Amino acid sequence: MKSLEKDRSRRYASASSLVDDIQRFLQDEPVLACPPSATYRLAKFARANKAILARWAIALALLAGAVLSTVTAIRAVRAERLAQNDSRARSPRARTPNKRR
């Protein structure tokens, strides 16, 4: 597959390097040709699908913003309720028993 790569930089430099790799294979030695890495395939996919990836990135950013603002609003409401309950517990009316005159 290395000899059939579209990208010239990923092909064998010469026919003699191909022959050397075949010799290594026949002698059960590690060959230079190997499958493309996940990083290489991901980079190729990103270059080919820029528009789709940009749309997904925007959608994820909007979703993350919505989740973050919802969580922040819930925390603020809880803190406000806690502060109100705390201030009611400290008020003088709550401490003195109800006296009849």
Protein backbone atom coordinates (compact mmCIF):
# COMPACT_ATOMS: atom_id res chain seq x y z
CA MET A 1 0.00 0.00 0.00
CA LYS A 2 2.93 2.32 0.63
CA SER A 3 3.94 2.09 -3.03
CA LEU A 4 0.38 3.06 -4.08
CA GLU A 5 -0.02 6.09 -1.78
CA LYS A 6 -1.43 9.22 -3.44
CA ASP A 7 0.77 11.45 -1.31
CA ARG A 8 4.28 11.32 -2.82
CA SER A 9 5.97 12.00 0.51
CA ARG A 10 4.47 8.77 1.89
CA ARG A 11 5.64 6.55 -1.01
CA TYR A 12 8.98 4.79 -1.30
CA ALA A 13 11.76 7.17 -2.32
CA SER A 14 13.08 4.77 -4.96
CA ALA A 15 12.66 1.27 -6.34
CA SER A 16 15.68 0.11 -4.35
CA SER A 17 14.01 1.12 -1.06
CA LEU A 18 10.98 -0.97 -2.09
CA VAL A 19 13.30 -3.92 -2.79
CA ASP A 20 14.97 -3.44 0.61
CA ASP A 21 11.60 -3.49 2.33
CA ILE A 22 10.62 -6.69 0.50
CA GLN A 23 13.91 -8.28 1.60
CA ARG A 24 13.18 -7.30 5.22
CA PHE A 25 9.71 -8.85 4.95
CA LEU A 26 11.11 -12.11 3.54
CA GLN A 27 13.68 -12.27 6.37
CA ASP A 28 11.01 -11.65 9.04
CA GLU A 29 12.48 -8.27 9.95
CA PRO A 30 10.43 -5.13 10.62
CA VAL A 31 9.48 -3.37 7.41
CA LEU A 32 9.43 0.40 6.88
CA ALA A 33 5.98 0.33 5.31
CA CYS A 34 3.28 0.47 7.94
CA PRO A 35 -0.38 1.42 7.97
CA PRO A 36 -1.14 5.11 8.34
CA SER A 37 -1.45 6.24 11.95
CA ALA A 38 -4.69 7.42 13.47
CA THR A 39 -3.29 10.95 13.61
CA TYR A 40 -2.53 10.91 9.89
CA ARG A 41 -5.99 9.61 9.02
CA LEU A 42 -7.65 12.17 11.31
CA ALA A 43 -5.66 15.01 9.72
CA LYS A 44 -6.68 13.83 6.24
CA PHE A 45 -10.34 13.66 7.33
CA ALA A 46 -10.15 17.14 8.87
CA ARG A 47 -8.66 18.63 5.71
CA ALA A 48 -11.35 17.02 3.56
CA ASN A 49 -14.28 17.96 5.82
CA LYS A 50 -13.52 21.43 7.17
CA ALA A 51 -17.06 22.76 6.80
CA ILE A 52 -18.69 19.84 8.59
CA LEU A 53 -16.18 19.96 11.43
CA ALA A 54 -16.66 23.71 11.79
CA ARG A 55 -20.43 23.25 12.09
CA TRP A 56 -20.00 20.54 14.71
CA ALA A 57 -17.56 22.72 16.66
CA ILE A 58 -20.05 25.60 16.69
CA ALA A 59 -22.90 23.30 17.74
CA LEU A 60 -20.82 21.83 20.57
CA ALA A 61 -19.80 25.30 21.75
CA LEU A 62 -23.44 26.43 21.83
CA LEU A 63 -24.48 23.29 23.69
CA ALA A 64 -21.68 23.69 26.22
CA GLY A 65 -22.66 27.33 26.76
CA ALA A 66 -26.29 26.40 27.33
CA VAL A 67 -25.38 23.69 29.82
CA LEU A 68 -22.94 25.95 31.65
CA SER A 69 -25.42 28.82 31.93
CA THR A 70 -28.15 26.46 33.17
CA VAL A 71 -25.88 25.02 35.85
CA THR A 72 -24.83 28.51 36.91
CA ALA A 73 -28.47 29.66 37.13
CA ILE A 74 -29.40 26.64 39.26
CA ARG A 75 -26.50 27.34 41.63
CA ALA A 76 -27.53 31.00 41.92
CA VAL A 77 -31.14 30.09 42.77
CA ARG A 78 -29.98 27.59 45.40
CA ALA A 79 -27.60 30.14 46.94
CA GLU A 80 -30.38 32.74 47.04
CA ARG A 81 -32.77 30.33 48.78
CA LEU A 82 -30.10 29.37 51.28
CA ALA A 83 -29.39 33.03 52.03
CA GLN A 84 -33.11 33.73 52.52
CA ASN A 85 -33.50 30.75 54.85
CA ASP A 86 -30.41 31.84 56.78
CA SER A 87 -31.67 35.42 57.17
CA ARG A 88 -35.08 34.18 58.37
CA ALA A 89 -33.43 32.00 60.99
CA ARG A 90 -31.45 34.98 62.30
CA SER A 91 -34.36 37.41 62.46
CA PRO A 92 -35.60 38.44 65.97
CA ARG A 93 -39.15 37.24 65.30
CA ALA A 94 -37.97 33.70 64.78
CA ARG A 95 -36.09 33.66 68.13
CA THR A 96 -38.77 35.07 70.52
CA PRO A 97 -41.76 32.93 71.32
CA ASN A 98 -45.17 34.33 70.54
CA LYS A 99 -46.47 36.05 73.75
CA ARG A 100 -50.08 36.75 74.45
CA ARG A 101 -50.97 40.02 76.21
